[in-house]
Amino acid sequence: MIKFVMCLTRRSDMSREQFQDYWRKQHGPFFMENAKTMRAKKYVQSLTLDTPLNEGLRESRDMLPEFDGVAEVWFDSEQDLMEAMSSPEGQELSAALLKDESNFVDHSKSSAFIVREEEL
């Protein structure tokens, strides 16, 4: 299996609470209603906590600020994902998902990539 990972930063006009509320209650259900079209096997939202621990982690490692959340979507293979996304239905859905993301995500400050898990 492979995994699509997206590290999300909220739009500047939203609080983290507003961002997470929209993601959980609007975008997440929208994605799940259409997961079969994308051939997604699993979808997880990891919501960043507002905790002093994040500031401590960042300062102790001289790192960039934390993202507002991380989305993970599992697929059987790269080929399966590419086939799903290149179908007419997949292209239409991808455009709709991207449009909806613009309601809460600042894409210029976010990141997305494909990974393979290696459990130790």
PDB file of N, CA and C in Angstrom:
ATOM      1  N   MET A   1       0.837  -1.192   0.000  1.00  0.00           N
ATOM      2  CA  MET A   1       0.000   0.000   0.000  1.00  0.00           C
ATOM      3  C   MET A   1       0.881   1.254   0.000  1.00  0.00           C
ATOM      4  N   ILE A   2       0.290   2.322  -0.496  1.00  0.00           N
ATOM      5  CA  ILE A   2       0.927   3.631  -0.428  1.00  0.00           C
ATOM      6  C   ILE A   2      -0.014   4.568   0.316  1.00  0.00           C
ATOM      7  N   LYS A   3       0.532   5.719   0.665  1.00  0.00           N
ATOM      8  CA  LYS A   3      -0.283   6.678   1.406  1.00  0.00           C
ATOM      9  C   LYS A   3      -0.032   8.072   0.851  1.00  0.00           C
ATOM     10  N   PHE A   4      -1.118   8.798   0.633  1.00  0.00           N
ATOM     11  CA  PHE A   4      -1.076  10.217   0.283  1.00  0.00           C
ATOM     12  C   PHE A   4      -1.120  10.974   1.607  1.00  0.00           C
ATOM     13  N   VAL A   5      -0.114  11.810   1.843  1.00  0.00           N
ATOM     14  CA  VAL A   5      -0.047  12.597   3.075  1.00  0.00           C
ATOM     15  C   VAL A   5      -0.127  14.073   2.696  1.00  0.00           C
ATOM     16  N   MET A   6      -0.970  14.795   3.406  1.00  0.00           N
ATOM     17  CA  MET A   6      -1.075  16.234   3.176  1.00  0.00           C
ATOM     18  C   MET A   6      -0.981  16.942   4.512  1.00  0.00           C
ATOM     19  N   CYS A   7       0.034  17.785   4.634  1.00  0.00           N
ATOM     20  CA  CYS A   7       0.244  18.597   5.838  1.00  0.00           C
ATOM     21  C   CYS A   7      -0.418  19.942   5.572  1.00  0.00           C
ATOM     22  N   LEU A   8      -1.430  20.247   6.359  1.00  0.00           N
ATOM     23  CA  LEU A   8      -2.323  21.367   6.071  1.00  0.00           C
ATOM     24  C   LEU A   8      -2.087  22.584   6.966  1.00  0.00           C
ATOM     25  N   THR A   9      -2.115  23.738   6.336  1.00  0.00           N
ATOM     26  CA  THR A   9      -2.096  25.017   7.042  1.00  0.00           C
ATOM     27  C   THR A   9      -3.397  25.740   6.722  1.00  0.00           C
ATOM     28  N   ARG A  10      -4.018  26.272   7.739  1.00  0.00           N
ATOM     29  CA  ARG A  10      -5.317  26.933   7.571  1.00  0.00           C
ATOM     30  C   ARG A  10      -5.171  28.277   6.863  1.00  0.00           C
ATOM     31  N   ARG A  11      -6.265  28.723   6.302  1.00  0.00           N
ATOM     32  CA  ARG A  11      -6.309  30.070   5.719  1.00  0.00           C
ATOM     33  C   ARG A  11      -6.088  31.090   6.828  1.00  0.00           C
ATOM     34  N   SER A  12      -5.490  32.205   6.493  1.00  0.00           N
ATOM     35  CA  SER A  12      -5.138  33.215   7.497  1.00  0.00           C
ATOM     36  C   SER A  12      -6.352  33.880   8.140  1.00  0.00           C
ATOM     37  N   ASP A  13      -7.500  33.806   7.496  1.00  0.00           N
ATOM     38  CA  ASP A  13      -8.703  34.424   8.058  1.00  0.00           C
ATOM     39  C   ASP A  13      -9.497  33.473   8.958  1.00  0.00           C
ATOM     40  N   MET A  14      -8.917  32.310   9.273  1.00  0.00           N
ATOM     41  CA  MET A  14      -9.601  31.320  10.094  1.00  0.00           C
ATOM     42  C   MET A  14      -8.795  31.027  11.350  1.00  0.00           C
ATOM     43  N   SER A  15      -9.497  30.753  12.434  1.00  0.00           N
ATOM     44  CA  SER A  15      -8.840  30.240  13.635  1.00  0.00           C
ATOM     45  C   SER A  15      -8.591  28.747  13.413  1.00  0.00           C
ATOM     46  N   ARG A  16      -7.732  28.172  14.233  1.00  0.00           N
ATOM     47  CA  ARG A  16      -7.499  26.729  14.123  1.00  0.00           C
ATOM     48  C   ARG A  16      -8.797  25.966  14.396  1.00  0.00           C
ATOM     49  N   GLU A  17      -9.588  26.463  15.340  1.00  0.00           N
ATOM     50  CA  GLU A  17     -10.861  25.811  15.657  1.00  0.00           C
ATOM     51  C   GLU A  17     -11.801  25.831  14.451  1.00  0.00           C
ATOM     52  N   GLN A  18     -11.894  26.962  13.772  1.00  0.00           N
ATOM     53  CA  GLN A  18     -12.749  27.052  12.582  1.00  0.00           C
ATOM     54  C   GLN A  18     -12.253  26.119  11.478  1.00  0.00           C
ATOM     55  N   PHE A  19     -10.943  26.111  11.273  1.00  0.00           N
ATOM     56  CA  PHE A  19     -10.321  25.239  10.283  1.00  0.00           C
ATOM     57  C   PHE A  19     -10.667  23.779  10.558  1.00  0.00           C
ATOM     58  N   GLN A  20     -10.430  23.341  11.792  1.00  0.00           N
ATOM     59  CA  GLN A  20     -10.659  21.942  12.144  1.00  0.00           C
ATOM     60  C   GLN A  20     -12.142  21.586  12.098  1.00  0.00           C
ATOM     61  N   ASP A  21     -12.995  22.521  12.471  1.00  0.00           N
ATOM     62  CA  ASP A  21     -14.434  22.286  12.428  1.00  0.00           C
ATOM     63  C   ASP A  21     -14.892  22.060  10.982  1.00  0.00           C
ATOM     64  N   TYR A  22     -14.441  22.909  10.067  1.00  0.00           N
ATOM     65  CA  TYR A  22     -14.823  22.753   8.657  1.00  0.00           C
ATOM     66  C   TYR A  22     -14.267  21.445   8.104  1.00  0.00           C
ATOM     67  N   TRP A  23     -13.022  21.161   8.416  1.00  0.00           N
ATOM     68  CA  TRP A  23     -12.373  19.954   7.906  1.00  0.00           C
ATOM     69  C   TRP A  23     -13.119  18.702   8.377  1.00  0.00           C
ATOM     70  N   ARG A  24     -13.421  18.652   9.682  1.00  0.00           N
ATOM     71  CA  ARG A  24     -14.093  17.483  10.260  1.00  0.00           C
ATOM     72  C   ARG A  24     -15.535  17.334   9.786  1.00  0.00           C
ATOM     73  N   LYS A  25     -16.269  18.456   9.727  1.00  0.00           N
ATOM     74  CA  LYS A  25     -17.711  18.380   9.502  1.00  0.00           C
ATOM     75  C   LYS A  25     -18.148  18.587   8.048  1.00  0.00           C
ATOM     76  N   GLN A  26     -17.292  19.172   7.221  1.00  0.00           N
ATOM     77  CA  GLN A  26     -17.658  19.438   5.830  1.00  0.00           C
ATOM     78  C   GLN A  26     -16.786  18.628   4.856  1.00  0.00           C
ATOM     79  N   HIS A  27     -15.484  18.911   4.871  1.00  0.00           N
ATOM     80  CA  HIS A  27     -14.598  18.294   3.885  1.00  0.00           C
ATOM     81  C   HIS A  27     -14.443  16.791   4.104  1.00  0.00           C
ATOM     82  N   GLY A  28     -14.244  16.385   5.343  1.00  0.00           N
ATOM     83  CA  GLY A  28     -14.074  14.956   5.630  1.00  0.00           C
ATOM     84  C   GLY A  28     -15.255  14.118   5.164  1.00  0.00           C
ATOM     85  N   PRO A  29     -16.479  14.483   5.552  1.00  0.00           N
ATOM     86  CA  PRO A  29     -17.639  13.722   5.070  1.00  0.00           C
ATOM     87  C   PRO A  29     -17.771  13.753   3.542  1.00  0.00           C
ATOM     88  N   PHE A  30     -17.461  14.901   2.930  1.00  0.00           N
ATOM     89  CA  PHE A  30     -17.502  15.003   1.461  1.00  0.00           C
ATOM     90  C   PHE A  30     -16.526  14.002   0.842  1.00  0.00           C
ATOM     91  N   PHE A  31     -15.305  13.944   1.388  1.00  0.00           N
ATOM     92  CA  PHE A  31     -14.332  12.984   0.871  1.00  0.00           C
ATOM     93  C   PHE A  31     -14.834  11.551   1.062  1.00  0.00           C
ATOM     94  N   MET A  32     -15.310  11.245   2.255  1.00  0.00           N
ATOM     95  CA  MET A  32     -15.742   9.872   2.551  1.00  0.00           C
ATOM     96  C   MET A  32     -16.909   9.423   1.670  1.00  0.00           C
ATOM     97  N   GLU A  33     -17.801  10.341   1.330  1.00  0.00           N
ATOM     98  CA  GLU A  33     -18.910  10.004   0.433  1.00  0.00           C
ATOM     99  C   GLU A  33     -18.410   9.591  -0.948  1.00  0.00           C
ATOM    100  N   ASN A  34     -17.209  10.052  -1.301  1.00  0.00           N
ATOM    101  CA  ASN A  34     -16.652   9.817  -2.628  1.00  0.00           C
ATOM    102  C   ASN A  34     -15.384   8.969  -2.607  1.00  0.00           C
ATOM    103  N   ALA A  35     -15.046   8.391  -1.458  1.00  0.00           N
ATOM    104  CA  ALA A  35     -13.793   7.640  -1.319  1.00  0.00           C
ATOM    105  C   ALA A  35     -13.706   6.483  -2.313  1.00  0.00           C
ATOM    106  N   LYS A  36     -14.820   5.856  -2.591  1.00  0.00           N
ATOM    107  CA  LYS A  36     -14.812   4.719  -3.516  1.00  0.00           C
ATOM    108  C   LYS A  36     -14.364   5.152  -4.910  1.00  0.00           C
ATOM    109  N   THR A  37     -14.798   6.322  -5.353  1.00  0.00           N
ATOM    110  CA  THR A  37     -14.396   6.839  -6.665  1.00  0.00           C
ATOM    111  C   THR A  37     -12.880   6.999  -6.738  1.00  0.00           C
ATOM    112  N   MET A  38     -12.283   7.434  -5.637  1.00  0.00           N
ATOM    113  CA  MET A  38     -10.826   7.633  -5.587  1.00  0.00           C
ATOM    114  C   MET A  38     -10.077   6.344  -5.248  1.00  0.00           C
ATOM    115  N   ARG A  39     -10.830   5.274  -4.977  1.00  0.00           N
ATOM    116  CA  ARG A  39     -10.261   3.977  -4.595  1.00  0.00           C
ATOM    117  C   ARG A  39      -9.480   4.070  -3.283  1.00  0.00           C
ATOM    118  N   ALA A  40      -9.872   4.999  -2.450  1.00  0.00           N
ATOM    119  CA  ALA A  40      -9.226   5.175  -1.146  1.00  0.00           C
ATOM    120  C   ALA A  40      -9.638   4.041  -0.218  1.00  0.00           C
ATOM    121  N   LYS A  41      -8.677   3.503   0.513  1.00  0.00           N
ATOM    122  CA  LYS A  41      -8.924   2.391   1.423  1.00  0.00           C
ATOM    123  C   LYS A  41      -9.132   2.864   2.857  1.00  0.00           C
ATOM    124  N   LYS A  42      -8.543   3.995   3.200  1.00  0.00           N
ATOM    125  CA  LYS A  42      -8.623   4.512   4.571  1.00  0.00           C
ATOM    126  C   LYS A  42      -8.310   6.010   4.530  1.00  0.00           C
ATOM    127  N   TYR A  43      -8.985   6.765   5.398  1.00  0.00           N
ATOM    128  CA  TYR A  43      -8.772   8.213   5.480  1.00  0.00           C
ATOM    129  C   TYR A  43      -8.704   8.598   6.950  1.00  0.00           C
ATOM    130  N   VAL A  44      -7.635   9.296   7.321  1.00  0.00           N
ATOM    131  CA  VAL A  44      -7.458   9.724   8.708  1.00  0.00           C
ATOM    132  C   VAL A  44      -7.128  11.209   8.731  1.00  0.00           C
ATOM    133  N   GLN A  45      -7.789  11.923   9.624  1.00  0.00           N
ATOM    134  CA  GLN A  45      -7.467  13.330   9.893  1.00  0.00           C
ATOM    135  C   GLN A  45      -6.768  13.392  11.247  1.00  0.00           C
ATOM    136  N   SER A  46      -5.571  13.965  11.274  1.00  0.00           N
ATOM    137  CA  SER A  46      -4.862  14.206  12.538  1.00  0.00           C
ATOM    138  C   SER A  46      -4.925  15.704  12.798  1.00  0.00           C
ATOM    139  N   LEU A  47      -5.609  16.071  13.873  1.00  0.00           N
ATOM    140  CA  LEU A  47      -5.866  17.471  14.201  1.00  0.00           C
ATOM    141  C   LEU A  47      -4.837  17.953  15.221  1.00  0.00           C
ATOM    142  N   THR A  48      -4.118  18.995  14.887  1.00  0.00           N
ATOM    143  CA  THR A  48      -3.085  19.528  15.762  1.00  0.00           C
ATOM    144  C   THR A  48      -3.700  20.108  17.026  1.00  0.00           C
ATOM    145  N   LEU A  49      -3.112  19.767  18.138  1.00  0.00           N
ATOM    146  CA  LEU A  49      -3.578  20.267  19.432  1.00  0.00           C
ATOM    147  C   LEU A  49      -2.963  21.629  19.722  1.00  0.00           C
ATOM    148  N   ASP A  50      -3.732  22.489  20.374  1.00  0.00           N
ATOM    149  CA  ASP A  50      -3.200  23.756  20.875  1.00  0.00           C
ATOM    150  C   ASP A  50      -2.625  23.460  22.252  1.00  0.00           C
ATOM    151  N   THR A  51      -1.322  23.238  22.283  1.00  0.00           N
ATOM    152  CA  THR A  51      -0.654  22.877  23.520  1.00  0.00           C
ATOM    153  C   THR A  51       0.738  23.496  23.554  1.00  0.00           C
ATOM    154  N   PRO A  52       1.207  23.892  24.734  1.00  0.00           N
ATOM    155  CA  PRO A  52       2.561  24.434  24.847  1.00  0.00           C
ATOM    156  C   PRO A  52       3.624  23.410  24.417  1.00  0.00           C
ATOM    157  N   LEU A  53       3.267  22.140  24.409  1.00  0.00           N
ATOM    158  CA  LEU A  53       4.218  21.117  23.970  1.00  0.00           C
ATOM    159  C   LEU A  53       4.681  21.365  22.540  1.00  0.00           C
ATOM    160  N   ASN A  54       3.774  21.834  21.679  1.00  0.00           N
ATOM    161  CA  ASN A  54       4.167  22.105  20.289  1.00  0.00           C
ATOM    162  C   ASN A  54       5.205  23.215  20.213  1.00  0.00           C
ATOM    163  N   GLU A  55       5.024  24.269  20.993  1.00  0.00           N
ATOM    164  CA  GLU A  55       6.006  25.355  21.013  1.00  0.00           C
ATOM    165  C   GLU A  55       7.347  24.852  21.535  1.00  0.00           C
ATOM    166  N   GLY A  56       7.311  24.034  22.578  1.00  0.00           N
ATOM    167  CA  GLY A  56       8.540  23.468  23.128  1.00  0.00           C
ATOM    168  C   GLY A  56       9.265  22.585  22.128  1.00  0.00           C
ATOM    169  N   LEU A  57       8.528  21.767  21.417  1.00  0.00           N
ATOM    170  CA  LEU A  57       9.134  20.913  20.388  1.00  0.00           C
ATOM    171  C   LEU A  57       9.794  21.752  19.302  1.00  0.00           C
ATOM    172  N   ARG A  58       9.079  22.772  18.840  1.00  0.00           N
ATOM    173  CA  ARG A  58       9.587  23.638  17.782  1.00  0.00           C
ATOM    174  C   ARG A  58      10.852  24.354  18.239  1.00  0.00           C
ATOM    175  N   GLU A  59      10.823  24.932  19.421  1.00  0.00           N
ATOM    176  CA  GLU A  59      11.974  25.687  19.923  1.00  0.00           C
ATOM    177  C   GLU A  59      13.174  24.784  20.213  1.00  0.00           C
ATOM    178  N   SER A  60      12.935  23.599  20.756  1.00  0.00           N
ATOM    179  CA  SER A  60      14.047  22.725  21.110  1.00  0.00           C
ATOM    180  C   SER A  60      14.759  22.159  19.888  1.00  0.00           C
ATOM    181  N   ARG A  61      14.098  22.178  18.759  1.00  0.00           N
ATOM    182  CA  ARG A  61      14.677  21.631  17.530  1.00  0.00           C
ATOM    183  C   ARG A  61      14.911  22.691  16.468  1.00  0.00           C
ATOM    184  N   ASP A  62      14.589  23.945  16.779  1.00  0.00           N
ATOM    185  CA  ASP A  62      14.725  25.045  15.829  1.00  0.00           C
ATOM    186  C   ASP A  62      13.983  24.728  14.527  1.00  0.00           C
ATOM    187  N   MET A  63      12.701  24.360  14.678  1.00  0.00           N
ATOM    188  CA  MET A  63      11.883  23.933  13.545  1.00  0.00           C
ATOM    189  C   MET A  63      10.869  24.991  13.150  1.00  0.00           C
ATOM    190  N   LEU A  64      10.263  24.778  11.993  1.00  0.00           N
ATOM    191  CA  LEU A  64       9.170  25.622  11.521  1.00  0.00           C
ATOM    192  C   LEU A  64       7.938  25.400  12.391  1.00  0.00           C
ATOM    193  N   PRO A  65       6.977  26.314  12.368  1.00  0.00           N
ATOM    194  CA  PRO A  65       5.734  26.119  13.120  1.00  0.00           C
ATOM    195  C   PRO A  65       5.005  24.863  12.648  1.00  0.00           C
ATOM    196  N   GLU A  66       4.221  24.309  13.548  1.00  0.00           N
ATOM    197  CA  GLU A  66       3.467  23.100  13.229  1.00  0.00           C
ATOM    198  C   GLU A  66       2.379  23.396  12.204  1.00  0.00           C
ATOM    199  N   PHE A  67       1.978  22.360  11.482  1.00  0.00           N
ATOM    200  CA  PHE A  67       0.832  22.451  10.580  1.00  0.00           C
ATOM    201  C   PHE A  67      -0.433  22.410  11.443  1.00  0.00           C
ATOM    202  N   ASP A  68      -1.560  22.770  10.852  1.00  0.00           N
ATOM    203  CA  ASP A  68      -2.828  22.729  11.586  1.00  0.00           C
ATOM    204  C   ASP A  68      -3.443  21.339  11.591  1.00  0.00           C
ATOM    205  N   GLY A  69      -2.961  20.494  10.735  1.00  0.00           N
ATOM    206  CA  GLY A  69      -3.440  19.121  10.693  1.00  0.00           C
ATOM    207  C   GLY A  69      -2.759  18.340   9.592  1.00  0.00           C
ATOM    208  N   VAL A  70      -2.932  17.030   9.643  1.00  0.00           N
ATOM    209  CA  VAL A  70      -2.358  16.135   8.642  1.00  0.00           C
ATOM    210  C   VAL A  70      -3.444  15.177   8.164  1.00  0.00           C
ATOM    211  N   ALA A  71      -3.613  15.096   6.852  1.00  0.00           N
ATOM    212  CA  ALA A  71      -4.537  14.142   6.249  1.00  0.00           C
ATOM    213  C   ALA A  71      -3.724  12.983   5.694  1.00  0.00           C
ATOM    214  N   GLU A  72      -4.233  11.766   5.888  1.00  0.00           N
ATOM    215  CA  GLU A  72      -3.583  10.582   5.331  1.00  0.00           C
ATOM    216  C   GLU A  72      -4.645   9.748   4.631  1.00  0.00           C
ATOM    217  N   VAL A  73      -4.334   9.353   3.388  1.00  0.00           N
ATOM    218  CA  VAL A  73      -5.254   8.537   2.612  1.00  0.00           C
ATOM    219  C   VAL A  73      -4.472   7.352   2.041  1.00  0.00           C
ATOM    220  N   TRP A  74      -4.948   6.136   2.326  1.00  0.00           N
ATOM    221  CA  TRP A  74      -4.278   4.919   1.881  1.00  0.00           C
ATOM    222  C   TRP A  74      -4.868   4.429   0.567  1.00  0.00           C
ATOM    223  N   PHE A  75      -3.967   3.895  -0.289  1.00  0.00           N
ATOM    224  CA  PHE A  75      -4.350   3.315  -1.574  1.00  0.00           C
ATOM    225  C   PHE A  75      -3.589   2.005  -1.768  1.00  0.00           C
ATOM    226  N   ASP A  76      -4.139   1.124  -2.598  1.00  0.00           N
ATOM    227  CA  ASP A  76      -3.478  -0.163  -2.846  1.00  0.00           C
ATOM    228  C   ASP A  76      -2.115   0.004  -3.515  1.00  0.00           C
ATOM    229  N   SER A  77      -2.015   0.956  -4.456  1.00  0.00           N
ATOM    230  CA  SER A  77      -0.755   1.134  -5.190  1.00  0.00           C
ATOM    231  C   SER A  77      -0.751   2.489  -5.883  1.00  0.00           C
ATOM    232  N   GLU A  78       0.425   2.883  -6.361  1.00  0.00           N
ATOM    233  CA  GLU A  78       0.526   4.118  -7.146  1.00  0.00           C
ATOM    234  C   GLU A  78      -0.334   4.004  -8.398  1.00  0.00           C
ATOM    235  N   GLN A  79      -0.263   2.848  -9.050  1.00  0.00           N
ATOM    236  CA  GLN A  79      -1.020   2.633 -10.278  1.00  0.00           C
ATOM    237  C   GLN A  79      -2.519   2.772 -10.014  1.00  0.00           C
ATOM    238  N   ASP A  80      -2.986   2.200  -8.922  1.00  0.00           N
ATOM    239  CA  ASP A  80      -4.399   2.285  -8.586  1.00  0.00           C
ATOM    240  C   ASP A  80      -4.827   3.737  -8.372  1.00  0.00           C
ATOM    241  N   LEU A  81      -4.005   4.494  -7.656  1.00  0.00           N
ATOM    242  CA  LEU A  81      -4.303   5.910  -7.429  1.00  0.00           C
ATOM    243  C   LEU A  81      -4.308   6.681  -8.744  1.00  0.00           C
ATOM    244  N   MET A  82      -3.300   6.453  -9.584  1.00  0.00           N
ATOM    245  CA  MET A  82      -3.227   7.175 -10.858  1.00  0.00           C
ATOM    246  C   MET A  82      -4.404   6.833 -11.768  1.00  0.00           C
ATOM    247  N   GLU A  83      -4.796   5.559 -11.788  1.00  0.00           N
ATOM    248  CA  GLU A  83      -5.951   5.173 -12.599  1.00  0.00           C
ATOM    249  C   GLU A  83      -7.228   5.836 -12.092  1.00  0.00           C
ATOM    250  N   ALA A  84      -7.407   5.856 -10.791  1.00  0.00           N
ATOM    251  CA  ALA A  84      -8.601   6.486 -10.218  1.00  0.00           C
ATOM    252  C   ALA A  84      -8.630   7.979 -10.529  1.00  0.00           C
ATOM    253  N   MET A  85      -7.488   8.641 -10.381  1.00  0.00           N
ATOM    254  CA  MET A  85      -7.436  10.091 -10.589  1.00  0.00           C
ATOM    255  C   MET A  85      -7.535  10.471 -12.067  1.00  0.00           C
ATOM    256  N   SER A  86      -7.173   9.555 -12.959  1.00  0.00           N
ATOM    257  CA  SER A  86      -7.210   9.888 -14.381  1.00  0.00           C
ATOM    258  C   SER A  86      -8.546   9.536 -15.037  1.00  0.00           C
ATOM    259  N   SER A  87      -9.412   8.847 -14.315  1.00  0.00           N
ATOM    260  CA  SER A  87     -10.744   8.564 -14.864  1.00  0.00           C
ATOM    261  C   SER A  87     -11.538   9.871 -14.905  1.00  0.00           C
ATOM    262  N   PRO A  88     -12.532   9.961 -15.777  1.00  0.00           N
ATOM    263  CA  PRO A  88     -13.360  11.174 -15.814  1.00  0.00           C
ATOM    264  C   PRO A  88     -13.983  11.501 -14.452  1.00  0.00           C
ATOM    265  N   GLU A  89     -14.454  10.462 -13.746  1.00  0.00           N
ATOM    266  CA  GLU A  89     -15.057  10.675 -12.430  1.00  0.00           C
ATOM    267  C   GLU A  89     -14.003  11.157 -11.427  1.00  0.00           C
ATOM    268  N   GLY A  90     -12.820  10.566 -11.496  1.00  0.00           N
ATOM    269  CA  GLY A  90     -11.735  10.953 -10.598  1.00  0.00           C
ATOM    270  C   GLY A  90     -11.266  12.372 -10.838  1.00  0.00           C
ATOM    271  N   GLN A  91     -11.197  12.770 -12.100  1.00  0.00           N
ATOM    272  CA  GLN A  91     -10.793  14.140 -12.423  1.00  0.00           C
ATOM    273  C   GLN A  91     -11.823  15.146 -11.926  1.00  0.00           C
ATOM    274  N   GLU A  92     -13.087  14.821 -12.110  1.00  0.00           N
ATOM    275  CA  GLU A  92     -14.171  15.703 -11.642  1.00  0.00           C
ATOM    276  C   GLU A  92     -14.140  15.813 -10.117  1.00  0.00           C
ATOM    277  N   LEU A  93     -13.950  14.684  -9.454  1.00  0.00           N
ATOM    278  CA  LEU A  93     -13.902  14.683  -7.998  1.00  0.00           C
ATOM    279  C   LEU A  93     -12.667  15.411  -7.483  1.00  0.00           C
ATOM    280  N   SER A  94     -11.524  15.207  -8.115  1.00  0.00           N
ATOM    281  CA  SER A  94     -10.295  15.901  -7.705  1.00  0.00           C
ATOM    282  C   SER A  94     -10.479  17.406  -7.770  1.00  0.00           C
ATOM    283  N   ALA A  95     -11.117  17.883  -8.824  1.00  0.00           N
ATOM    284  CA  ALA A  95     -11.375  19.321  -8.969  1.00  0.00           C
ATOM    285  C   ALA A  95     -12.318  19.813  -7.880  1.00  0.00           C
ATOM    286  N   ALA A  96     -13.336  19.029  -7.564  1.00  0.00           N
ATOM    287  CA  ALA A  96     -14.288  19.412  -6.521  1.00  0.00           C
ATOM    288  C   ALA A  96     -13.630  19.420  -5.145  1.00  0.00           C
ATOM    289  N   LEU A  97     -12.767  18.434  -4.876  1.00  0.00           N
ATOM    290  CA  LEU A  97     -12.051  18.395  -3.595  1.00  0.00           C
ATOM    291  C   LEU A  97     -11.116  19.589  -3.462  1.00  0.00           C
ATOM    292  N   LEU A  98     -10.394  19.907  -4.531  1.00  0.00           N
ATOM    293  CA  LEU A  98      -9.484  21.057  -4.511  1.00  0.00           C
ATOM    294  C   LEU A  98     -10.264  22.349  -4.267  1.00  0.00           C
ATOM    295  N   LYS A  99     -11.398  22.493  -4.926  1.00  0.00           N
ATOM    296  CA  LYS A  99     -12.227  23.687  -4.734  1.00  0.00           C
ATOM    297  C   LYS A  99     -12.687  23.781  -3.281  1.00  0.00           C
ATOM    298  N   ASP A 100     -13.109  22.655  -2.707  1.00  0.00           N
ATOM    299  CA  ASP A 100     -13.563  22.672  -1.320  1.00  0.00           C
ATOM    300  C   ASP A 100     -12.405  22.965  -0.368  1.00  0.00           C
ATOM    301  N   GLU A 101     -11.213  22.441  -0.663  1.00  0.00           N
ATOM    302  CA  GLU A 101     -10.051  22.723   0.187  1.00  0.00           C
ATOM    303  C   GLU A 101      -9.789  24.222   0.279  1.00  0.00           C
ATOM    304  N   SER A 102     -10.077  24.952  -0.796  1.00  0.00           N
ATOM    305  CA  SER A 102      -9.825  26.398  -0.778  1.00  0.00           C
ATOM    306  C   SER A 102     -10.693  27.118   0.247  1.00  0.00           C
ATOM    307  N   ASN A 103     -11.721  26.447   0.775  1.00  0.00           N
ATOM    308  CA  ASN A 103     -12.557  27.031   1.819  1.00  0.00           C
ATOM    309  C   ASN A 103     -11.879  27.047   3.176  1.00  0.00           C
ATOM    310  N   PHE A 104     -10.798  26.264   3.355  1.00  0.00           N
ATOM    311  CA  PHE A 104     -10.168  26.209   4.672  1.00  0.00           C
ATOM    312  C   PHE A 104      -8.650  26.021   4.647  1.00  0.00           C
ATOM    313  N   VAL A 105      -8.062  25.659   3.508  1.00  0.00           N
ATOM    314  CA  VAL A 105      -6.628  25.377   3.425  1.00  0.00           C
ATOM    315  C   VAL A 105      -5.892  26.486   2.676  1.00  0.00           C
ATOM    316  N   ASP A 106      -4.732  26.880   3.196  1.00  0.00           N
ATOM    317  CA  ASP A 106      -3.809  27.756   2.472  1.00  0.00           C
ATOM    318  C   ASP A 106      -2.808  26.838   1.780  1.00  0.00           C
ATOM    319  N   HIS A 107      -3.047  26.554   0.508  1.00  0.00           N
ATOM    320  CA  HIS A 107      -2.193  25.612  -0.221  1.00  0.00           C
ATOM    321  C   HIS A 107      -0.751  26.097  -0.333  1.00  0.00           C
ATOM    322  N   SER A 108      -0.542  27.408  -0.341  1.00  0.00           N
ATOM    323  CA  SER A 108       0.824  27.933  -0.473  1.00  0.00           C
ATOM    324  C   SER A 108       1.672  27.659   0.762  1.00  0.00           C
ATOM    325  N   LYS A 109       1.031  27.286   1.863  1.00  0.00           N
ATOM    326  CA  LYS A 109       1.753  26.992   3.101  1.00  0.00           C
ATOM    327  C   LYS A 109       1.537  25.538   3.540  1.00  0.00           C
ATOM    328  N   SER A 110       1.053  24.717   2.629  1.00  0.00           N
ATOM    329  CA  SER A 110       0.786  23.317   2.921  1.00  0.00           C
ATOM    330  C   SER A 110       1.689  22.455   2.048  1.00  0.00           C
ATOM    331  N   SER A 111       1.651  21.149   2.286  1.00  0.00           N
ATOM    332  CA  SER A 111       2.510  20.236   1.539  1.00  0.00           C
ATOM    333  C   SER A 111       1.787  18.913   1.349  1.00  0.00           C
ATOM    334  N   ALA A 112       2.060  18.245   0.228  1.00  0.00           N
ATOM    335  CA  ALA A 112       1.466  16.929  -0.037  1.00  0.00           C
ATOM    336  C   ALA A 112       2.514  16.046  -0.701  1.00  0.00           C
ATOM    337  N   PHE A 113       2.471  14.753  -0.371  1.00  0.00           N
ATOM    338  CA  PHE A 113       3.431  13.809  -0.941  1.00  0.00           C
ATOM    339  C   PHE A 113       2.922  12.385  -0.750  1.00  0.00           C
ATOM    340  N   ILE A 114       3.516  11.472  -1.498  1.00  0.00           N
ATOM    341  CA  ILE A 114       3.176  10.054  -1.447  1.00  0.00           C
ATOM    342  C   ILE A 114       4.264   9.328  -0.674  1.00  0.00           C
ATOM    343  N   VAL A 115       3.859   8.428   0.229  1.00  0.00           N
ATOM    344  CA  VAL A 115       4.835   7.682   1.043  1.00  0.00           C
ATOM    345  C   VAL A 115       4.470   6.197   1.067  1.00  0.00           C
ATOM    346  N   ARG A 116       5.417   5.416   1.523  1.00  0.00           N
ATOM    347  CA  ARG A 116       5.197   4.013   1.817  1.00  0.00           C
ATOM    348  C   ARG A 116       5.575   3.825   3.280  1.00  0.00           C
ATOM    349  N   GLU A 117       4.688   3.252   4.051  1.00  0.00           N
ATOM    350  CA  GLU A 117       4.982   3.021   5.473  1.00  0.00           C
ATOM    351  C   GLU A 117       5.946   1.862   5.641  1.00  0.00           C
ATOM    352  N   GLU A 118       6.810   2.000   6.601  1.00  0.00           N
ATOM    353  CA  GLU A 118       7.693   0.906   7.014  1.00  0.00           C
ATOM    354  C   GLU A 118       7.610   0.815   8.529  1.00  0.00           C
ATOM    355  N   GLU A 119       6.850  -0.154   8.994  1.00  0.00           N
ATOM    356  CA  GLU A 119       6.653  -0.316  10.424  1.00  0.00           C
ATOM    357  C   GLU A 119       7.867  -1.000  11.037  1.00  0.00           C
ATOM    358  N   LEU A 120       8.343  -0.455  12.146  1.00  0.00           N
ATOM    359  CA  LEU A 120       9.527  -1.002  12.806  1.00  0.00           C
ATOM    360  C   LEU A 120       9.130  -1.762  14.055  1.00  0.00           C
TER     361      LEU A 120
END
